[in-house]
Each structure stands twice: as structure tokens, then as C-alpha cells.
């Protein structure tokens, strides 16, 4: 029954890994990422869980005649922040999936 010990060992490793993944996931939520547009005229701050926590708009960029440009800047800054959040998530969580050849886990 040598195989059983290996199986238990593997399960222990998996549980350890899951715990570390959960901790990393939690840490991501505490990190903030900044996205900007218009040379810093608009800044959007998101958490690693992709929650927008702050939107900053410099006064100079607020033009009642050109609301569309402001909307585009906010959109661009938001997308920038979300893209960076994705990159951070991939970098953080990627360390767990690397080197694990588990079918169905990619």
C-alpha cells in the first residue's frame, strides 16, 4: 500500500498550495494599481481584485464644451488600470500554475 502514502502526500501539498494561493489572492485585493490617461490628467486607481477605488480628474481637463474627451480619458485610464491589474494577477498567480501539469488547470 505504498501508493497511498504518496497520494496523501500529494493531497497535503495541494492543500498547502491552495492556502498559499488564497493568501496571494487576498494580498492582491490589498494592492492598488494606478492607470492614467492624458499624461496624468486622469488617474484611476483599482485594487488587485479590479475594484475601482479612486478616480482623479485634474481641473484643467474639465471642458464643458468637450465632455466626450473627458469620457475617453476616464475610459482609457480605467482600461489602463485594469490591464495592469490583470498583469499583476497573472504575475502573482502564475507562480502557482507554473510547473504543475494538472489537466484542466490552466
PDB file of N, CA and C in Angstrom:
ATOM      1  N   UNK A   1       0.835  -1.218   0.000  1.00  0.00           N
ATOM      2  CA  UNK A   1       0.000   0.000   0.000  1.00  0.00           C
ATOM      3  C   UNK A   1       0.868   1.267   0.000  1.00  0.00           C
ATOM      4  N   UNK A   2       2.013   1.190  -0.663  1.00  0.00           N
ATOM      5  CA  UNK A   2       2.927   2.324  -0.718  1.00  0.00           C
ATOM      6  C   UNK A   2       2.305   3.514  -1.450  1.00  0.00           C
ATOM      7  N   UNK A   3       1.478   3.240  -2.422  1.00  0.00           N
ATOM      8  CA  UNK A   3       0.860   4.293  -3.222  1.00  0.00           C
ATOM      9  C   UNK A   3      -0.006   5.228  -2.416  1.00  0.00           C
ATOM     10  N   UNK A   4      -0.608   4.714  -1.338  1.00  0.00           N
ATOM     11  CA  UNK A   4      -1.499   5.535  -0.519  1.00  0.00           C
ATOM     12  C   UNK A   4      -0.740   6.681   0.152  1.00  0.00           C
ATOM     13  N   UNK A   5       0.457   6.383   0.638  1.00  0.00           N
ATOM     14  CA  UNK A   5       1.273   7.416   1.284  1.00  0.00           C
ATOM     15  C   UNK A   5       1.575   8.541   0.318  1.00  0.00           C
ATOM     16  N   UNK A   6       1.900   8.181  -0.919  1.00  0.00           N
ATOM     17  CA  UNK A   6       2.184   9.186  -1.942  1.00  0.00           C
ATOM     18  C   UNK A   6       0.963  10.048  -2.208  1.00  0.00           C
ATOM     19  N   UNK A   7      -0.195   9.397  -2.246  1.00  0.00           N
ATOM     20  CA  UNK A   7      -1.446  10.099  -2.510  1.00  0.00           C
ATOM     21  C   UNK A   7      -1.713  11.113  -1.391  1.00  0.00           C
ATOM     22  N   UNK A   8      -1.539  10.671  -0.145  1.00  0.00           N
ATOM     23  CA  UNK A   8      -1.764  11.575   0.992  1.00  0.00           C
ATOM     24  C   UNK A   8      -0.790  12.749   0.945  1.00  0.00           C
ATOM     25  N   UNK A   9       0.442  12.430   0.601  1.00  0.00           N
ATOM     26  CA  UNK A   9       1.472  13.446   0.492  1.00  0.00           C
ATOM     27  C   UNK A   9       1.084  14.480  -0.560  1.00  0.00           C
ATOM     28  N   UNK A  10       0.601  13.989  -1.687  1.00  0.00           N
ATOM     29  CA  UNK A  10       0.191  14.875  -2.761  1.00  0.00           C
ATOM     30  C   UNK A  10      -0.979  15.754  -2.322  1.00  0.00           C
ATOM     31  N   UNK A  11      -1.909  15.160  -1.591  1.00  0.00           N
ATOM     32  CA  UNK A  11      -3.065  15.928  -1.101  1.00  0.00           C
ATOM     33  C   UNK A  11      -2.597  17.026  -0.139  1.00  0.00           C
ATOM     34  N   UNK A  12      -1.636  16.682   0.722  1.00  0.00           N
ATOM     35  CA  UNK A  12      -1.088  17.679   1.657  1.00  0.00           C
ATOM     36  C   UNK A  12      -0.460  18.829   0.877  1.00  0.00           C
ATOM     37  N   UNK A  13       0.313  18.491  -0.160  1.00  0.00           N
ATOM     38  CA  UNK A  13       0.958  19.503  -0.987  1.00  0.00           C
ATOM     39  C   UNK A  13      -0.094  20.403  -1.634  1.00  0.00           C
ATOM     40  N   UNK A  14      -1.157  19.788  -2.132  1.00  0.00           N
ATOM     41  CA  UNK A  14      -2.229  20.547  -2.780  1.00  0.00           C
ATOM     42  C   UNK A  14      -2.887  21.503  -1.788  1.00  0.00           C
ATOM     43  N   UNK A  15      -3.119  21.023  -0.566  1.00  0.00           N
ATOM     44  CA  UNK A  15      -3.751  21.877   0.450  1.00  0.00           C
ATOM     45  C   UNK A  15      -2.848  23.058   0.789  1.00  0.00           C
ATOM     46  N   UNK A  16      -1.548  22.777   0.891  1.00  0.00           N
ATOM     47  CA  UNK A  16      -0.576  23.838   1.171  1.00  0.00           C
ATOM     48  C   UNK A  16      -0.619  24.875   0.044  1.00  0.00           C
ATOM     49  N   UNK A  17      -0.649  24.369  -1.170  1.00  0.00           N
ATOM     50  CA  UNK A  17      -0.677  25.215  -2.350  1.00  0.00           C
ATOM     51  C   UNK A  17      -1.945  26.062  -2.370  1.00  0.00           C
ATOM     52  N   UNK A  18      -3.077  25.438  -2.056  1.00  0.00           N
ATOM     53  CA  UNK A  18      -4.352  26.173  -2.053  1.00  0.00           C
ATOM     54  C   UNK A  18      -4.323  27.288  -1.024  1.00  0.00           C
ATOM     55  N   UNK A  19      -3.734  27.006   0.136  1.00  0.00           N
ATOM     56  CA  UNK A  19      -3.635  28.001   1.193  1.00  0.00           C
ATOM     57  C   UNK A  19      -2.793  29.178   0.705  1.00  0.00           C
ATOM     58  N   UNK A  20      -1.656  28.867   0.065  1.00  0.00           N
ATOM     59  CA  UNK A  20      -0.780  29.930  -0.449  1.00  0.00           C
ATOM     60  C   UNK A  20      -1.479  30.724  -1.540  1.00  0.00           C
ATOM     61  N   UNK A  21      -2.242  30.041  -2.383  1.00  0.00           N
ATOM     62  CA  UNK A  21      -2.968  30.726  -3.450  1.00  0.00           C
ATOM     63  C   UNK A  21      -4.004  31.669  -2.856  1.00  0.00           C
ATOM     64  N   UNK A  22      -4.701  31.204  -1.822  1.00  0.00           N
ATOM     65  CA  UNK A  22      -5.724  32.025  -1.172  1.00  0.00           C
ATOM     66  C   UNK A  22      -5.080  33.268  -0.549  1.00  0.00           C
ATOM     67  N   UNK A  23      -3.912  33.068   0.070  1.00  0.00           N
ATOM     68  CA  UNK A  23      -3.206  34.207   0.673  1.00  0.00           C
ATOM     69  C   UNK A  23      -2.770  35.202  -0.393  1.00  0.00           C
ATOM     70  N   UNK A  24      -2.245  34.677  -1.504  1.00  0.00           N
ATOM     71  CA  UNK A  24      -1.801  35.552  -2.594  1.00  0.00           C
ATOM     72  C   UNK A  24      -2.985  36.328  -3.164  1.00  0.00           C
ATOM     73  N   UNK A  25      -4.119  35.642  -3.294  1.00  0.00           N
ATOM     74  CA  UNK A  25      -5.342  36.258  -3.812  1.00  0.00           C
ATOM     75  C   UNK A  25      -5.777  37.401  -2.896  1.00  0.00           C
ATOM     76  N   UNK A  26      -5.667  37.153  -1.587  1.00  0.00           N
ATOM     77  CA  UNK A  26      -6.046  38.156  -0.603  1.00  0.00           C
ATOM     78  C   UNK A  26      -5.118  39.376  -0.689  1.00  0.00           C
ATOM     79  N   UNK A  27      -3.818  39.104  -0.825  1.00  0.00           N
ATOM     80  CA  UNK A  27      -2.844  40.189  -0.952  1.00  0.00           C
ATOM     81  C   UNK A  27      -3.118  41.040  -2.181  1.00  0.00           C
ATOM     82  N   UNK A  28      -3.544  40.383  -3.255  1.00  0.00           N
ATOM     83  CA  UNK A  28      -3.867  41.125  -4.480  1.00  0.00           C
ATOM     84  C   UNK A  28      -4.944  42.158  -4.200  1.00  0.00           C
ATOM     85  N   UNK A  29      -5.916  41.789  -3.389  1.00  0.00           N
ATOM     86  CA  UNK A  29      -7.009  42.691  -3.067  1.00  0.00           C
ATOM     87  C   UNK A  29      -6.567  43.912  -2.289  1.00  0.00           C
ATOM     88  N   UNK A  30      -5.414  43.774  -1.609  1.00  0.00           N
ATOM     89  CA  UNK A  30      -4.912  44.890  -0.806  1.00  0.00           C
ATOM     90  C   UNK A  30      -3.995  45.806  -1.610  1.00  0.00           C
ATOM     91  N   UNK A  31      -3.553  45.322  -2.779  1.00  0.00           N
ATOM     92  CA  UNK A  31      -2.663  46.142  -3.607  1.00  0.00           C
ATOM     93  C   UNK A  31      -3.489  47.112  -4.435  1.00  0.00           C
ATOM     94  N   UNK A  32      -2.910  48.276  -4.715  1.00  0.00           N
ATOM     95  CA  UNK A  32      -3.596  49.220  -5.593  1.00  0.00           C
ATOM     96  C   UNK A  32      -2.732  49.470  -6.819  1.00  0.00           C
ATOM     97  N   UNK A  33      -3.398  49.613  -7.936  1.00  0.00           N
ATOM     98  CA  UNK A  33      -2.744  49.826  -9.209  1.00  0.00           C
ATOM     99  C   UNK A  33      -3.315  51.096  -9.809  1.00  0.00           C
ATOM    100  N   UNK A  34      -2.421  51.891 -10.397  1.00  0.00           N
ATOM    101  CA  UNK A  34      -2.849  53.170 -10.945  1.00  0.00           C
ATOM    102  C   UNK A  34      -2.821  53.138 -12.468  1.00  0.00           C
ATOM    103  N   UNK A  35      -3.913  53.553 -13.054  1.00  0.00           N
ATOM    104  CA  UNK A  35      -3.976  53.714 -14.500  1.00  0.00           C
ATOM    105  C   UNK A  35      -4.101  55.189 -14.800  1.00  0.00           C
ATOM    106  N   UNK A  36      -3.443  55.639 -15.878  1.00  0.00           N
ATOM    107  CA  UNK A  36      -3.516  57.064 -16.191  1.00  0.00           C
ATOM    108  C   UNK A  36      -3.818  57.274 -17.670  1.00  0.00           C
ATOM    109  N   UNK A  37      -4.273  58.471 -17.981  1.00  0.00           N
ATOM    110  CA  UNK A  37      -4.510  58.864 -19.373  1.00  0.00           C
ATOM    111  C   UNK A  37      -4.278  60.359 -19.473  1.00  0.00           C
ATOM    112  N   UNK A  38      -4.038  60.796 -20.697  1.00  0.00           N
ATOM    113  CA  UNK A  38      -3.843  62.230 -20.928  1.00  0.00           C
ATOM    114  C   UNK A  38      -2.647  62.766 -20.171  1.00  0.00           C
ATOM    115  N   UNK A  39      -1.587  61.974 -20.087  1.00  0.00           N
ATOM    116  CA  UNK A  39      -0.376  62.426 -19.398  1.00  0.00           C
ATOM    117  C   UNK A  39      -0.611  62.686 -17.925  1.00  0.00           C
ATOM    118  N   UNK A  40      -1.460  61.876 -17.310  1.00  0.00           N
ATOM    119  CA  UNK A  40      -1.707  62.015 -15.877  1.00  0.00           C
ATOM    120  C   UNK A  40      -2.855  62.959 -15.541  1.00  0.00           C
ATOM    121  N   UNK A  41      -3.539  63.433 -16.570  1.00  0.00           N
ATOM    122  CA  UNK A  41      -4.689  64.321 -16.335  1.00  0.00           C
ATOM    123  C   UNK A  41      -5.825  63.563 -15.644  1.00  0.00           C
ATOM    124  N   UNK A  42      -5.948  62.272 -16.009  1.00  0.00           N
ATOM    125  CA  UNK A  42      -6.962  61.425 -15.385  1.00  0.00           C
ATOM    126  C   UNK A  42      -6.256  60.211 -14.807  1.00  0.00           C
ATOM    127  N   UNK A  43      -6.541  59.930 -13.545  1.00  0.00           N
ATOM    128  CA  UNK A  43      -5.942  58.783 -12.869  1.00  0.00           C
ATOM    129  C   UNK A  43      -7.054  57.933 -12.271  1.00  0.00           C
ATOM    130  N   UNK A  44      -6.948  56.629 -12.509  1.00  0.00           N
ATOM    131  CA  UNK A  44      -7.919  55.703 -11.933  1.00  0.00           C
ATOM    132  C   UNK A  44      -7.136  54.683 -11.109  1.00  0.00           C
ATOM    133  N   UNK A  45      -7.561  54.468  -9.875  1.00  0.00           N
ATOM    134  CA  UNK A  45      -6.884  53.511  -9.006  1.00  0.00           C
ATOM    135  C   UNK A  45      -7.805  52.328  -8.737  1.00  0.00           C
ATOM    136  N   UNK A  46      -7.266  51.129  -9.002  1.00  0.00           N
ATOM    137  CA  UNK A  46      -8.037  49.902  -8.771  1.00  0.00           C
ATOM    138  C   UNK A  46      -7.261  49.003  -7.821  1.00  0.00           C
ATOM    139  N   UNK A  47      -7.974  48.063  -7.209  1.00  0.00           N
ATOM    140  CA  UNK A  47      -7.307  47.063  -6.381  1.00  0.00           C
ATOM    141  C   UNK A  47      -6.930  45.895  -7.277  1.00  0.00           C
ATOM    142  N   UNK A  48      -6.155  44.972  -6.734  1.00  0.00           N
ATOM    143  CA  UNK A  48      -5.792  43.764  -7.462  1.00  0.00           C
ATOM    144  C   UNK A  48      -7.001  42.908  -7.783  1.00  0.00           C
ATOM    145  N   UNK A  49      -8.131  43.177  -7.115  1.00  0.00           N
ATOM    146  CA  UNK A  49      -9.378  42.462  -7.403  1.00  0.00           C
ATOM    147  C   UNK A  49     -10.228  43.230  -8.410  1.00  0.00           C
ATOM    148  N   UNK A  50      -9.623  44.221  -9.035  1.00  0.00           N
ATOM    149  CA  UNK A  50     -10.278  45.025 -10.067  1.00  0.00           C
ATOM    150  C   UNK A  50     -11.463  45.831  -9.562  1.00  0.00           C
ATOM    151  N   UNK A  51     -11.366  46.323  -8.342  1.00  0.00           N
ATOM    152  CA  UNK A  51     -12.396  47.230  -7.832  1.00  0.00           C
ATOM    153  C   UNK A  51     -11.832  48.637  -7.976  1.00  0.00           C
ATOM    154  N   UNK A  52     -12.608  49.517  -8.579  1.00  0.00           N
ATOM    155  CA  UNK A  52     -12.156  50.897  -8.719  1.00  0.00           C
ATOM    156  C   UNK A  52     -12.354  51.585  -7.376  1.00  0.00           C
ATOM    157  N   UNK A  53     -11.264  52.136  -6.838  1.00  0.00           N
ATOM    158  CA  UNK A  53     -11.354  52.765  -5.528  1.00  0.00           C
ATOM    159  C   UNK A  53     -11.227  54.284  -5.605  1.00  0.00           C
ATOM    160  N   UNK A  54     -10.690  54.776  -6.729  1.00  0.00           N
ATOM    161  CA  UNK A  54     -10.491  56.212  -6.832  1.00  0.00           C
ATOM    162  C   UNK A  54     -10.427  56.651  -8.284  1.00  0.00           C
ATOM    163  N   UNK A  55     -11.026  57.801  -8.571  1.00  0.00           N
ATOM    164  CA  UNK A  55     -10.911  58.419  -9.889  1.00  0.00           C
ATOM    165  C   UNK A  55     -10.518  59.873  -9.642  1.00  0.00           C
ATOM    166  N   UNK A  56      -9.386  60.272 -10.207  1.00  0.00           N
ATOM    167  CA  UNK A  56      -8.930  61.656 -10.053  1.00  0.00           C
ATOM    168  C   UNK A  56      -8.879  62.325 -11.415  1.00  0.00           C
ATOM    169  N   UNK A  57      -9.482  63.519 -11.482  1.00  0.00           N
ATOM    170  CA  UNK A  57      -9.502  64.262 -12.736  1.00  0.00           C
ATOM    171  C   UNK A  57      -8.951  65.655 -12.461  1.00  0.00           C
ATOM    172  N   UNK A  58      -7.904  66.033 -13.174  1.00  0.00           N
ATOM    173  CA  UNK A  58      -7.326  67.376 -12.997  1.00  0.00           C
ATOM    174  C   UNK A  58      -8.284  68.404 -13.595  1.00  0.00           C
ATOM    175  N   UNK A  59      -8.385  69.511 -12.892  1.00  0.00           N
ATOM    176  CA  UNK A  59      -9.316  70.575 -13.282  1.00  0.00           C
ATOM    177  C   UNK A  59      -9.139  71.049 -14.728  1.00  0.00           C
ATOM    178  N   UNK A  60      -7.875  71.154 -15.153  1.00  0.00           N
ATOM    179  CA  UNK A  60      -7.592  71.700 -16.490  1.00  0.00           C
ATOM    180  C   UNK A  60      -8.249  70.901 -17.608  1.00  0.00           C
ATOM    181  N   UNK A  61      -8.518  69.618 -17.338  1.00  0.00           N
ATOM    182  CA  UNK A  61      -9.023  68.759 -18.398  1.00  0.00           C
ATOM    183  C   UNK A  61     -10.557  68.802 -18.477  1.00  0.00           C
ATOM    184  N   UNK A  62     -11.175  69.453 -17.506  1.00  0.00           N
ATOM    185  CA  UNK A  62     -12.639  69.542 -17.491  1.00  0.00           C
ATOM    186  C   UNK A  62     -13.080  70.699 -18.386  1.00  0.00           C
ATOM    187  N   UNK A  63     -13.604  70.334 -19.559  1.00  0.00           N
ATOM    188  CA  UNK A  63     -14.066  71.329 -20.526  1.00  0.00           C
ATOM    189  C   UNK A  63     -15.527  71.028 -20.847  1.00  0.00           C
ATOM    190  N   UNK A  64     -16.439  71.884 -20.374  1.00  0.00           N
ATOM    191  CA  UNK A  64     -17.874  71.644 -20.617  1.00  0.00           C
ATOM    192  C   UNK A  64     -18.189  71.515 -22.104  1.00  0.00           C
ATOM    193  N   UNK A  65     -17.345  72.126 -22.950  1.00  0.00           N
ATOM    194  CA  UNK A  65     -17.553  72.058 -24.394  1.00  0.00           C
ATOM    195  C   UNK A  65     -17.126  70.706 -24.960  1.00  0.00           C
ATOM    196  N   UNK A  66     -16.277  69.983 -24.203  1.00  0.00           N
ATOM    197  CA  UNK A  66     -15.738  68.735 -24.727  1.00  0.00           C
ATOM    198  C   UNK A  66     -15.813  67.614 -23.689  1.00  0.00           C
ATOM    199  N   UNK A  67     -17.030  67.292 -23.321  1.00  0.00           N
ATOM    200  CA  UNK A  67     -17.269  66.238 -22.336  1.00  0.00           C
ATOM    201  C   UNK A  67     -16.786  64.892 -22.884  1.00  0.00           C
ATOM    202  N   UNK A  68     -16.900  64.730 -24.189  1.00  0.00           N
ATOM    203  CA  UNK A  68     -16.521  63.469 -24.832  1.00  0.00           C
ATOM    204  C   UNK A  68     -15.046  63.123 -24.594  1.00  0.00           C
ATOM    205  N   UNK A  69     -14.188  64.148 -24.679  1.00  0.00           N
ATOM    206  CA  UNK A  69     -12.762  63.900 -24.467  1.00  0.00           C
ATOM    207  C   UNK A  69     -12.517  63.423 -23.042  1.00  0.00           C
ATOM    208  N   UNK A  70     -13.195  64.032 -22.093  1.00  0.00           N
ATOM    209  CA  UNK A  70     -13.054  63.650 -20.690  1.00  0.00           C
ATOM    210  C   UNK A  70     -13.506  62.203 -20.490  1.00  0.00           C
ATOM    211  N   UNK A  71     -14.632  61.841 -21.125  1.00  0.00           N
ATOM    212  CA  UNK A  71     -15.132  60.467 -21.024  1.00  0.00           C
ATOM    213  C   UNK A  71     -14.104  59.485 -21.591  1.00  0.00           C
ATOM    214  N   UNK A  72     -13.507  59.855 -22.726  1.00  0.00           N
ATOM    215  CA  UNK A  72     -12.488  58.998 -23.345  1.00  0.00           C
ATOM    216  C   UNK A  72     -11.283  58.825 -22.430  1.00  0.00           C
ATOM    217  N   UNK A  73     -10.880  59.908 -21.771  1.00  0.00           N
ATOM    218  CA  UNK A  73      -9.729  59.849 -20.864  1.00  0.00           C
ATOM    219  C   UNK A  73     -10.026  58.950 -19.664  1.00  0.00           C
ATOM    220  N   UNK A  74     -11.226  59.095 -19.107  1.00  0.00           N
ATOM    221  CA  UNK A  74     -11.609  58.260 -17.958  1.00  0.00           C
ATOM    222  C   UNK A  74     -11.624  56.790 -18.379  1.00  0.00           C
ATOM    223  N   UNK A  75     -12.175  56.537 -19.558  1.00  0.00           N
ATOM    224  CA  UNK A  75     -12.225  55.185 -20.097  1.00  0.00           C
ATOM    225  C   UNK A  75     -10.815  54.620 -20.292  1.00  0.00           C
ATOM    226  N   UNK A  76      -9.948  55.430 -20.897  1.00  0.00           N
ATOM    227  CA  UNK A  76      -8.576  54.993 -21.163  1.00  0.00           C
ATOM    228  C   UNK A  76      -7.828  54.721 -19.856  1.00  0.00           C
ATOM    229  N   UNK A  77      -7.989  55.593 -18.877  1.00  0.00           N
ATOM    230  CA  UNK A  77      -7.307  55.417 -17.588  1.00  0.00           C
ATOM    231  C   UNK A  77      -7.821  54.165 -16.878  1.00  0.00           C
ATOM    232  N   UNK A  78      -9.134  53.932 -16.966  1.00  0.00           N
ATOM    233  CA  UNK A  78      -9.731  52.755 -16.338  1.00  0.00           C
ATOM    234  C   UNK A  78      -9.202  51.480 -16.985  1.00  0.00           C
ATOM    235  N   UNK A  79      -9.197  51.456 -18.315  1.00  0.00           N
ATOM    236  CA  UNK A  79      -8.685  50.282 -19.023  1.00  0.00           C
ATOM    237  C   UNK A  79      -7.207  50.051 -18.736  1.00  0.00           C
ATOM    238  N   UNK A  80      -6.453  51.127 -18.615  1.00  0.00           N
ATOM    239  CA  UNK A  80      -5.033  51.027 -18.288  1.00  0.00           C
ATOM    240  C   UNK A  80      -4.859  50.377 -16.913  1.00  0.00           C
ATOM    241  N   UNK A  81      -5.637  50.842 -15.950  1.00  0.00           N
ATOM    242  CA  UNK A  81      -5.555  50.302 -14.587  1.00  0.00           C
ATOM    243  C   UNK A  81      -5.951  48.827 -14.559  1.00  0.00           C
ATOM    244  N   UNK A  82      -7.028  48.477 -15.278  1.00  0.00           N
ATOM    245  CA  UNK A  82      -7.494  47.089 -15.289  1.00  0.00           C
ATOM    246  C   UNK A  82      -6.490  46.166 -15.969  1.00  0.00           C
ATOM    247  N   UNK A  83      -5.851  46.660 -17.030  1.00  0.00           N
ATOM    248  CA  UNK A  83      -4.833  45.875 -17.734  1.00  0.00           C
ATOM    249  C   UNK A  83      -3.658  45.599 -16.795  1.00  0.00           C
ATOM    250  N   UNK A  84      -3.244  46.635 -16.063  1.00  0.00           N
ATOM    251  CA  UNK A  84      -2.140  46.472 -15.116  1.00  0.00           C
ATOM    252  C   UNK A  84      -2.533  45.520 -13.986  1.00  0.00           C
ATOM    253  N   UNK A  85      -3.800  45.577 -13.565  1.00  0.00           N
ATOM    254  CA  UNK A  85      -4.280  44.674 -12.514  1.00  0.00           C
ATOM    255  C   UNK A  85      -4.222  43.230 -13.008  1.00  0.00           C
ATOM    256  N   UNK A  86      -4.602  43.022 -14.279  1.00  0.00           N
ATOM    257  CA  UNK A  86      -4.523  41.686 -14.884  1.00  0.00           C
ATOM    258  C   UNK A  86      -3.090  41.182 -14.906  1.00  0.00           C
ATOM    259  N   UNK A  87      -2.180  42.069 -15.304  1.00  0.00           N
ATOM    260  CA  UNK A  87      -0.768  41.687 -15.378  1.00  0.00           C
ATOM    261  C   UNK A  87      -0.246  41.305 -14.002  1.00  0.00           C
ATOM    262  N   UNK A  88      -0.641  42.076 -12.992  1.00  0.00           N
ATOM    263  CA  UNK A  88      -0.214  41.784 -11.620  1.00  0.00           C
ATOM    264  C   UNK A  88      -0.783  40.441 -11.158  1.00  0.00           C
ATOM    265  N   UNK A  89      -2.053  40.209 -11.479  1.00  0.00           N
ATOM    266  CA  UNK A  89      -2.692  38.950 -11.111  1.00  0.00           C
ATOM    267  C   UNK A  89      -1.986  37.775 -11.775  1.00  0.00           C
ATOM    268  N   UNK A  90      -1.711  37.903 -13.068  1.00  0.00           N
ATOM    269  CA  UNK A  90      -1.027  36.833 -13.788  1.00  0.00           C
ATOM    270  C   UNK A  90       0.359  36.576 -13.220  1.00  0.00           C
ATOM    271  N   UNK A  91       1.069  37.647 -12.888  1.00  0.00           N
ATOM    272  CA  UNK A  91       2.414  37.504 -12.333  1.00  0.00           C
ATOM    273  C   UNK A  91       2.350  36.852 -10.956  1.00  0.00           C
ATOM    274  N   UNK A  92       1.349  37.252 -10.169  1.00  0.00           N
ATOM    275  CA  UNK A  92       1.226  36.731  -8.808  1.00  0.00           C
ATOM    276  C   UNK A  92       0.741  35.289  -8.798  1.00  0.00           C
ATOM    277  N   UNK A  93      -0.327  35.012  -9.555  1.00  0.00           N
ATOM    278  CA  UNK A  93      -0.928  33.679  -9.522  1.00  0.00           C
ATOM    279  C   UNK A  93      -0.204  32.700 -10.444  1.00  0.00           C
ATOM    280  N   UNK A  94       0.507  33.238 -11.439  1.00  0.00           N
ATOM    281  CA  UNK A  94       1.213  32.401 -12.396  1.00  0.00           C
ATOM    282  C   UNK A  94       2.257  31.514 -11.746  1.00  0.00           C
ATOM    283  N   UNK A  95       2.820  31.981 -10.632  1.00  0.00           N
ATOM    284  CA  UNK A  95       3.845  31.200  -9.947  1.00  0.00           C
ATOM    285  C   UNK A  95       3.290  29.876  -9.431  1.00  0.00           C
ATOM    286  N   UNK A  96       1.979  29.811  -9.229  1.00  0.00           N
ATOM    287  CA  UNK A  96       1.377  28.582  -8.699  1.00  0.00           C
ATOM    288  C   UNK A  96       1.110  27.554  -9.792  1.00  0.00           C
ATOM    289  N   UNK A  97       0.753  28.051 -10.973  1.00  0.00           N
ATOM    290  CA  UNK A  97       0.387  27.131 -12.044  1.00  0.00           C
ATOM    291  C   UNK A  97       1.611  26.689 -12.832  1.00  0.00           C
ATOM    292  N   UNK A  98       2.689  27.478 -12.739  1.00  0.00           N
ATOM    293  CA  UNK A  98       3.922  27.130 -13.430  1.00  0.00           C
ATOM    294  C   UNK A  98       4.456  25.786 -12.934  1.00  0.00           C
ATOM    295  N   UNK A  99       4.845  24.942 -13.821  1.00  0.00           N
ATOM    296  CA  UNK A  99       5.457  23.692 -13.430  1.00  0.00           C
ATOM    297  C   UNK A  99       4.490  22.651 -12.876  1.00  0.00           C
ATOM    298  N   UNK A 100       3.201  22.963 -12.931  1.00  0.00           N
ATOM    299  CA  UNK A 100       2.207  21.985 -12.486  1.00  0.00           C
ATOM    300  C   UNK A 100       1.493  21.471 -13.712  1.00  0.00           C
ATOM    301  N   UNK A 101       1.649  20.226 -14.017  1.00  0.00           N
ATOM    302  CA  UNK A 101       0.971  19.677 -15.172  1.00  0.00           C
ATOM    303  C   UNK A 101      -0.327  19.021 -14.781  1.00  0.00           C
ATOM    304  N   UNK A 102      -1.226  19.840 -14.278  1.00  0.00           N
ATOM    305  CA  UNK A 102      -2.515  19.295 -13.879  1.00  0.00           C
ATOM    306  C   UNK A 102      -3.502  19.511 -15.015  1.00  0.00           C
ATOM    307  N   UNK A 103      -4.079  18.455 -15.494  1.00  0.00           N
ATOM    308  CA  UNK A 103      -5.062  18.622 -16.577  1.00  0.00           C
ATOM    309  C   UNK A 103      -6.231  19.476 -16.088  1.00  0.00           C
ATOM    310  N   UNK A 104      -6.661  20.365 -16.952  1.00  0.00           N
ATOM    311  CA  UNK A 104      -7.821  21.194 -16.605  1.00  0.00           C
ATOM    312  C   UNK A 104      -7.474  22.379 -15.698  1.00  0.00           C
ATOM    313  N   UNK A 105      -6.211  22.547 -15.355  1.00  0.00           N
ATOM    314  CA  UNK A 105      -5.843  23.707 -14.533  1.00  0.00           C
ATOM    315  C   UNK A 105      -4.865  24.578 -15.269  1.00  0.00           C
ATOM    316  N   UNK A 106      -5.412  25.507 -16.079  1.00  0.00           N
ATOM    317  CA  UNK A 106      -4.525  26.450 -16.756  1.00  0.00           C
ATOM    318  C   UNK A 106      -5.235  27.774 -16.903  1.00  0.00           C
TER     319      UNK A 106
END
